[in-house]
């Protein structure tokens, strides 16, 4: 699996949490808001930074099928993506790679849809492979 590093697309600060690793690498720490019948519940959700790994650590109760809003812990901006999930129609969540491109994942608990996008595919894909090739071997 490829270990990714991501930043907030708004303030450009790193979202990596070296103090809370998952599978021996820094996790991705995001603030989260979950709507419930009794009002919104807020907390931190940490995601595995291995692309394609779905391990999550949180003290929040997120029921299967619930849609979660994610926010940058630094600037508090919502990390909304540019599209809806084509599998379940929930909003996608967007995070940026430090050297260009972005990763988007579905905000619905249980949906596994995610994707990587590049604005300049040739240049950014080349940079992505240079950066991550050692992890793929």
N, C-alpha and C. Protein backbone atom coordinates (compact mmCIF):
# COMPACT_ATOMS: atom_id res chain seq x y z
N UNK A 1 0.84 -1.19 0.00
CA UNK A 1 0.00 0.00 0.00
C UNK A 1 0.88 1.24 0.00
N UNK A 2 0.34 2.32 -0.54
CA UNK A 2 1.05 3.58 -0.62
C UNK A 2 0.67 4.47 0.56
N UNK A 3 1.68 4.96 1.27
CA UNK A 3 1.47 5.90 2.37
C UNK A 3 1.41 7.30 1.79
N UNK A 4 0.32 8.03 2.04
CA UNK A 4 0.19 9.37 1.50
C UNK A 4 0.32 10.41 2.61
N UNK A 5 0.70 11.61 2.21
CA UNK A 5 0.71 12.76 3.11
C UNK A 5 -0.22 13.79 2.50
N UNK A 6 -1.04 14.43 3.33
CA UNK A 6 -2.03 15.37 2.81
C UNK A 6 -2.05 16.66 3.63
N UNK A 7 -2.51 17.71 2.94
CA UNK A 7 -2.66 19.03 3.54
C UNK A 7 -4.10 19.48 3.39
N UNK A 8 -4.46 20.50 4.15
CA UNK A 8 -5.75 21.17 3.98
C UNK A 8 -5.70 21.92 2.65
N UNK A 9 -6.73 21.80 1.81
CA UNK A 9 -6.73 22.53 0.54
C UNK A 9 -6.95 24.04 0.71
N UNK A 10 -7.30 24.49 1.91
CA UNK A 10 -7.58 25.91 2.14
C UNK A 10 -6.40 26.63 2.80
N UNK A 11 -5.88 26.10 3.91
CA UNK A 11 -4.78 26.77 4.61
C UNK A 11 -3.42 26.14 4.32
N UNK A 12 -3.42 25.02 3.61
CA UNK A 12 -2.20 24.29 3.21
C UNK A 12 -1.44 23.65 4.38
N UNK A 13 -1.98 23.67 5.58
CA UNK A 13 -1.29 23.03 6.72
C UNK A 13 -1.43 21.52 6.63
N UNK A 14 -0.41 20.84 7.11
CA UNK A 14 -0.41 19.38 7.10
C UNK A 14 -1.52 18.84 7.99
N UNK A 15 -2.14 17.77 7.54
CA UNK A 15 -3.19 17.09 8.32
C UNK A 15 -2.65 15.82 8.97
N UNK A 16 -1.34 15.63 8.88
CA UNK A 16 -0.70 14.43 9.41
C UNK A 16 -0.48 14.56 10.91
N UNK A 17 -0.81 13.50 11.64
CA UNK A 17 -0.65 13.47 13.10
C UNK A 17 0.41 12.44 13.47
N UNK A 18 1.64 12.93 13.63
CA UNK A 18 2.75 12.04 13.97
C UNK A 18 2.64 11.50 15.39
N UNK A 19 1.87 12.17 16.25
CA UNK A 19 1.70 11.73 17.64
C UNK A 19 0.66 10.63 17.79
N UNK A 20 -0.05 10.34 16.71
CA UNK A 20 -1.08 9.29 16.76
C UNK A 20 -0.99 8.43 15.49
N UNK A 21 0.04 7.58 15.41
CA UNK A 21 0.19 6.76 14.21
C UNK A 21 -0.85 5.65 14.13
N UNK A 22 -1.13 5.26 12.89
CA UNK A 22 -1.93 4.07 12.61
C UNK A 22 -1.05 3.21 11.71
N UNK A 23 -0.83 1.96 12.13
CA UNK A 23 0.05 1.04 11.39
C UNK A 23 1.46 1.61 11.21
N UNK A 24 1.96 2.24 12.27
CA UNK A 24 3.34 2.73 12.34
C UNK A 24 3.65 3.92 11.43
N UNK A 25 2.65 4.59 10.89
CA UNK A 25 2.87 5.83 10.14
C UNK A 25 1.88 6.88 10.65
N UNK A 26 2.19 8.17 10.47
CA UNK A 26 1.28 9.21 10.95
C UNK A 26 -0.13 9.03 10.39
N UNK A 27 -1.12 9.27 11.24
CA UNK A 27 -2.50 9.22 10.79
C UNK A 27 -2.89 10.58 10.19
N UNK A 28 -4.05 10.61 9.56
CA UNK A 28 -4.64 11.85 9.06
C UNK A 28 -5.69 12.26 10.09
N UNK A 29 -5.47 13.41 10.76
CA UNK A 29 -6.37 13.86 11.81
C UNK A 29 -7.30 14.94 11.28
N UNK A 30 -8.61 14.71 11.40
CA UNK A 30 -9.61 15.64 10.93
C UNK A 30 -10.65 15.89 12.01
N UNK A 31 -11.16 17.10 12.08
CA UNK A 31 -12.30 17.36 12.94
C UNK A 31 -13.54 16.86 12.22
N UNK A 32 -14.52 16.39 12.97
CA UNK A 32 -15.71 15.81 12.37
C UNK A 32 -16.96 16.28 13.08
N UNK A 33 -18.04 16.37 12.31
CA UNK A 33 -19.36 16.71 12.86
C UNK A 33 -20.33 15.67 12.32
N UNK A 34 -21.06 15.04 13.24
CA UNK A 34 -22.02 14.00 12.88
C UNK A 34 -23.40 14.45 13.33
N UNK A 35 -24.32 14.63 12.39
CA UNK A 35 -25.68 15.00 12.80
C UNK A 35 -26.40 13.81 13.44
N UNK A 36 -27.05 14.06 14.56
CA UNK A 36 -27.84 13.03 15.23
C UNK A 36 -29.22 13.62 15.56
N UNK A 37 -30.12 12.78 16.03
CA UNK A 37 -31.45 13.24 16.42
C UNK A 37 -31.39 14.24 17.57
N UNK A 38 -30.36 14.15 18.41
CA UNK A 38 -30.22 15.03 19.57
C UNK A 38 -29.31 16.22 19.29
N UNK A 39 -28.94 16.43 18.05
CA UNK A 39 -28.04 17.52 17.68
C UNK A 39 -26.72 16.99 17.17
N UNK A 40 -25.88 17.90 16.73
CA UNK A 40 -24.59 17.51 16.17
C UNK A 40 -23.62 17.06 17.25
N UNK A 41 -22.85 16.03 16.93
CA UNK A 41 -21.79 15.54 17.80
C UNK A 41 -20.48 15.84 17.09
N UNK A 42 -19.51 16.43 17.81
CA UNK A 42 -18.24 16.80 17.20
C UNK A 42 -17.08 16.12 17.90
N UNK A 43 -16.02 15.87 17.14
CA UNK A 43 -14.83 15.25 17.69
C UNK A 43 -13.76 15.10 16.63
N UNK A 44 -12.77 14.28 16.92
CA UNK A 44 -11.67 14.04 15.99
C UNK A 44 -11.77 12.63 15.43
N UNK A 45 -11.53 12.53 14.14
CA UNK A 45 -11.45 11.23 13.48
C UNK A 45 -10.06 11.13 12.87
N UNK A 46 -9.38 10.02 13.13
CA UNK A 46 -8.07 9.78 12.54
C UNK A 46 -8.19 8.65 11.54
N UNK A 47 -7.68 8.90 10.33
CA UNK A 47 -7.75 7.94 9.24
C UNK A 47 -6.37 7.36 8.98
N UNK A 48 -6.31 6.13 8.54
CA UNK A 48 -5.06 5.56 8.10
C UNK A 48 -4.55 6.35 6.90
N UNK A 49 -3.25 6.60 6.84
CA UNK A 49 -2.68 7.33 5.71
C UNK A 49 -2.18 6.39 4.62
N UNK A 50 -2.52 5.11 4.72
CA UNK A 50 -2.25 4.18 3.63
C UNK A 50 -3.44 4.24 2.67
N UNK A 51 -3.18 4.63 1.43
CA UNK A 51 -4.25 4.74 0.44
C UNK A 51 -4.89 3.37 0.25
N UNK A 52 -6.20 3.31 0.41
CA UNK A 52 -6.93 2.06 0.24
C UNK A 52 -7.14 1.29 1.54
N UNK A 53 -6.60 1.80 2.66
CA UNK A 53 -6.80 1.17 3.97
C UNK A 53 -7.92 1.94 4.66
N UNK A 54 -8.87 1.25 5.22
CA UNK A 54 -10.05 1.91 5.78
C UNK A 54 -10.05 1.98 7.30
N UNK A 55 -8.90 1.78 7.93
CA UNK A 55 -8.84 1.82 9.39
C UNK A 55 -9.08 3.26 9.87
N UNK A 56 -9.95 3.39 10.86
CA UNK A 56 -10.34 4.68 11.43
C UNK A 56 -10.25 4.55 12.94
N UNK A 57 -9.77 5.61 13.59
CA UNK A 57 -9.76 5.65 15.05
C UNK A 57 -10.47 6.91 15.51
N UNK A 58 -11.46 6.73 16.38
CA UNK A 58 -12.22 7.85 16.92
C UNK A 58 -12.98 7.39 18.15
N UNK A 59 -13.30 8.35 19.01
CA UNK A 59 -14.16 8.04 20.16
C UNK A 59 -15.62 8.32 19.81
N UNK A 60 -15.86 8.89 18.63
CA UNK A 60 -17.23 9.17 18.19
C UNK A 60 -17.92 7.88 17.75
N UNK A 61 -19.21 7.84 17.94
CA UNK A 61 -20.02 6.74 17.44
C UNK A 61 -20.54 7.16 16.07
N UNK A 62 -20.08 6.47 15.04
CA UNK A 62 -20.50 6.76 13.67
C UNK A 62 -21.20 5.52 13.14
N UNK A 63 -22.52 5.61 13.04
CA UNK A 63 -23.30 4.47 12.59
C UNK A 63 -23.09 4.22 11.10
N UNK A 64 -23.15 2.96 10.70
CA UNK A 64 -23.04 2.61 9.29
C UNK A 64 -24.09 3.37 8.51
N UNK A 65 -23.69 4.01 7.43
CA UNK A 65 -24.61 4.77 6.59
C UNK A 65 -24.69 6.24 6.95
N UNK A 66 -24.16 6.63 8.12
CA UNK A 66 -24.19 8.04 8.52
C UNK A 66 -23.22 8.84 7.65
N UNK A 67 -23.60 10.08 7.35
CA UNK A 67 -22.74 10.98 6.61
C UNK A 67 -22.07 11.93 7.60
N UNK A 68 -20.76 12.08 7.46
CA UNK A 68 -19.95 12.87 8.38
C UNK A 68 -19.44 14.11 7.64
N UNK A 69 -19.46 15.26 8.31
CA UNK A 69 -18.82 16.46 7.77
C UNK A 69 -17.41 16.52 8.36
N UNK A 70 -16.41 16.77 7.51
CA UNK A 70 -15.02 16.84 7.96
C UNK A 70 -14.51 18.27 7.82
N UNK A 71 -13.65 18.67 8.79
CA UNK A 71 -13.13 20.03 8.85
C UNK A 71 -11.63 19.99 9.14
N UNK A 72 -10.92 21.02 8.68
CA UNK A 72 -9.50 21.16 8.97
C UNK A 72 -9.34 21.52 10.45
N UNK A 73 -8.46 20.85 11.19
CA UNK A 73 -8.24 21.19 12.59
C UNK A 73 -7.58 22.56 12.77
N UNK A 74 -6.91 23.08 11.74
CA UNK A 74 -6.22 24.37 11.85
C UNK A 74 -7.12 25.55 11.49
N UNK A 75 -7.66 25.56 10.27
CA UNK A 75 -8.45 26.72 9.82
C UNK A 75 -9.95 26.52 9.99
N UNK A 76 -10.38 25.32 10.34
CA UNK A 76 -11.79 24.96 10.60
C UNK A 76 -12.67 24.96 9.36
N UNK A 77 -12.09 25.09 8.18
CA UNK A 77 -12.86 25.10 6.94
C UNK A 77 -13.36 23.69 6.64
N UNK A 78 -14.59 23.58 6.14
CA UNK A 78 -15.11 22.26 5.76
C UNK A 78 -14.32 21.74 4.56
N UNK A 79 -13.97 20.48 4.60
CA UNK A 79 -13.15 19.85 3.56
C UNK A 79 -14.04 19.18 2.52
N UNK A 80 -14.92 19.96 1.94
CA UNK A 80 -15.86 19.44 0.96
C UNK A 80 -15.20 19.25 -0.39
N UNK A 81 -15.54 18.17 -1.03
CA UNK A 81 -14.97 17.84 -2.33
C UNK A 81 -15.73 18.51 -3.46
N UNK A 82 -15.30 18.24 -4.66
CA UNK A 82 -15.89 18.87 -5.84
C UNK A 82 -17.02 18.03 -6.45
N UNK A 83 -17.36 16.93 -5.81
CA UNK A 83 -18.35 16.04 -6.41
C UNK A 83 -19.09 15.24 -5.35
N UNK A 84 -20.12 14.57 -5.80
CA UNK A 84 -20.83 13.60 -4.96
C UNK A 84 -20.29 12.22 -5.30
N UNK A 85 -20.34 11.34 -4.34
CA UNK A 85 -19.91 9.96 -4.55
C UNK A 85 -20.78 9.32 -5.62
N UNK A 86 -20.14 8.70 -6.60
CA UNK A 86 -20.94 8.06 -7.65
C UNK A 86 -21.48 6.70 -7.23
N UNK A 87 -21.08 6.23 -6.04
CA UNK A 87 -21.61 4.96 -5.52
C UNK A 87 -22.84 5.17 -4.64
N UNK A 88 -22.83 6.23 -3.79
CA UNK A 88 -23.94 6.39 -2.83
C UNK A 88 -24.52 7.81 -2.79
N UNK A 89 -23.95 8.73 -3.57
CA UNK A 89 -24.43 10.12 -3.69
C UNK A 89 -24.16 11.00 -2.48
N UNK A 90 -23.34 10.56 -1.53
CA UNK A 90 -22.94 11.41 -0.40
C UNK A 90 -21.83 12.37 -0.87
N UNK A 91 -21.63 13.48 -0.16
CA UNK A 91 -20.55 14.39 -0.55
C UNK A 91 -19.17 13.72 -0.38
N UNK A 92 -18.27 14.04 -1.30
CA UNK A 92 -16.89 13.59 -1.19
C UNK A 92 -16.12 14.60 -0.33
N UNK A 93 -15.04 14.13 0.30
CA UNK A 93 -14.16 14.95 1.14
C UNK A 93 -12.83 15.05 0.41
N UNK A 94 -12.30 16.29 0.29
CA UNK A 94 -11.08 16.51 -0.50
C UNK A 94 -9.91 16.94 0.37
N UNK A 95 -8.76 16.29 0.16
CA UNK A 95 -7.50 16.63 0.82
C UNK A 95 -6.44 16.76 -0.27
N UNK A 96 -5.48 17.66 -0.09
CA UNK A 96 -4.46 17.90 -1.12
C UNK A 96 -3.15 17.21 -0.81
N UNK A 97 -2.47 16.79 -1.87
CA UNK A 97 -1.11 16.30 -1.75
C UNK A 97 -0.18 17.52 -1.73
N UNK A 98 0.89 17.49 -0.94
CA UNK A 98 1.80 18.64 -0.87
C UNK A 98 2.38 19.06 -2.22
N UNK A 99 2.58 18.13 -3.14
CA UNK A 99 3.21 18.46 -4.42
C UNK A 99 2.22 18.48 -5.59
N UNK A 100 0.95 18.64 -5.30
CA UNK A 100 -0.05 18.74 -6.35
C UNK A 100 -0.95 17.52 -6.41
N UNK A 101 -2.18 17.75 -6.80
CA UNK A 101 -3.17 16.69 -6.86
C UNK A 101 -3.95 16.61 -5.56
N UNK A 102 -4.93 15.76 -5.58
CA UNK A 102 -5.76 15.60 -4.37
C UNK A 102 -6.33 14.20 -4.29
N UNK A 103 -6.70 13.85 -3.08
CA UNK A 103 -7.39 12.60 -2.85
C UNK A 103 -8.78 12.97 -2.34
N UNK A 104 -9.79 12.25 -2.80
CA UNK A 104 -11.15 12.45 -2.32
C UNK A 104 -11.68 11.10 -1.83
N UNK A 105 -12.45 11.16 -0.73
CA UNK A 105 -13.07 9.95 -0.20
C UNK A 105 -14.51 10.27 0.18
N UNK A 106 -15.34 9.25 0.18
CA UNK A 106 -16.75 9.41 0.49
C UNK A 106 -16.95 9.70 1.97
N UNK A 107 -17.88 10.59 2.27
CA UNK A 107 -18.16 10.98 3.66
C UNK A 107 -19.15 10.04 4.35
N UNK A 108 -19.67 9.05 3.65
CA UNK A 108 -20.64 8.12 4.25
C UNK A 108 -19.92 6.93 4.87
N UNK A 109 -20.21 6.67 6.14
CA UNK A 109 -19.62 5.54 6.85
C UNK A 109 -20.01 4.24 6.15
N UNK A 110 -19.03 3.46 5.80
CA UNK A 110 -19.27 2.18 5.16
C UNK A 110 -19.05 2.20 3.65
N UNK A 111 -19.11 3.38 3.03
CA UNK A 111 -18.85 3.46 1.59
C UNK A 111 -17.33 3.51 1.38
N UNK A 112 -16.84 2.74 0.47
CA UNK A 112 -15.39 2.62 0.26
C UNK A 112 -14.89 3.43 -0.94
N UNK A 113 -15.74 4.24 -1.53
CA UNK A 113 -15.36 4.99 -2.73
C UNK A 113 -14.31 6.05 -2.38
N UNK A 114 -13.24 6.09 -3.16
CA UNK A 114 -12.20 7.11 -3.02
C UNK A 114 -11.50 7.24 -4.36
N UNK A 115 -10.81 8.34 -4.57
CA UNK A 115 -10.12 8.54 -5.84
C UNK A 115 -9.00 9.55 -5.67
N UNK A 116 -8.07 9.51 -6.61
CA UNK A 116 -6.98 10.47 -6.68
C UNK A 116 -7.17 11.27 -7.96
N UNK A 117 -7.02 12.61 -7.85
CA UNK A 117 -7.15 13.50 -9.00
C UNK A 117 -5.87 14.30 -9.17
N UNK A 118 -5.53 14.58 -10.41
CA UNK A 118 -4.39 15.44 -10.71
C UNK A 118 -4.83 16.52 -11.69
N UNK A 119 -4.46 17.79 -11.43
CA UNK A 119 -4.79 18.87 -12.34
C UNK A 119 -3.96 18.78 -13.62
N UNK A 120 -2.66 18.54 -13.47
CA UNK A 120 -1.76 18.34 -14.59
C UNK A 120 -1.32 16.88 -14.51
N UNK A 121 -2.12 15.97 -15.06
CA UNK A 121 -1.88 14.54 -14.83
C UNK A 121 -0.46 14.07 -15.12
N UNK A 122 0.12 14.50 -16.21
CA UNK A 122 1.45 13.99 -16.56
C UNK A 122 2.50 14.40 -15.52
N UNK A 123 2.56 15.70 -15.20
CA UNK A 123 3.57 16.19 -14.25
C UNK A 123 3.30 15.69 -12.83
N UNK A 124 2.05 15.74 -12.40
CA UNK A 124 1.73 15.35 -11.03
C UNK A 124 1.81 13.85 -10.82
N UNK A 125 1.46 13.07 -11.82
CA UNK A 125 1.58 11.62 -11.70
C UNK A 125 3.05 11.22 -11.63
N UNK A 126 3.88 11.88 -12.42
CA UNK A 126 5.33 11.62 -12.37
C UNK A 126 5.87 11.96 -10.98
N UNK A 127 5.47 13.11 -10.41
CA UNK A 127 5.92 13.50 -9.07
C UNK A 127 5.38 12.53 -8.02
N UNK A 128 4.14 12.09 -8.18
CA UNK A 128 3.53 11.14 -7.25
C UNK A 128 4.33 9.83 -7.23
N UNK A 129 4.65 9.30 -8.41
CA UNK A 129 5.41 8.05 -8.48
C UNK A 129 6.82 8.22 -7.92
N UNK A 130 7.47 9.34 -8.21
CA UNK A 130 8.81 9.58 -7.64
C UNK A 130 8.76 9.59 -6.12
N UNK A 131 7.72 10.22 -5.58
CA UNK A 131 7.57 10.34 -4.13
C UNK A 131 7.23 9.00 -3.48
N UNK A 132 6.36 8.23 -4.12
CA UNK A 132 5.80 7.03 -3.47
C UNK A 132 6.35 5.71 -3.99
N UNK A 133 7.16 5.73 -5.03
CA UNK A 133 7.70 4.49 -5.58
C UNK A 133 8.41 3.63 -4.53
N UNK A 134 9.20 4.21 -3.62
CA UNK A 134 9.86 3.36 -2.62
C UNK A 134 8.87 2.56 -1.75
N UNK A 135 7.66 3.09 -1.56
CA UNK A 135 6.67 2.39 -0.74
C UNK A 135 5.96 1.28 -1.52
N UNK A 136 6.04 1.32 -2.85
CA UNK A 136 5.33 0.35 -3.67
C UNK A 136 6.17 -0.89 -3.96
N UNK A 137 7.46 -0.84 -3.72
CA UNK A 137 8.33 -1.97 -4.05
C UNK A 137 8.29 -3.04 -3.01
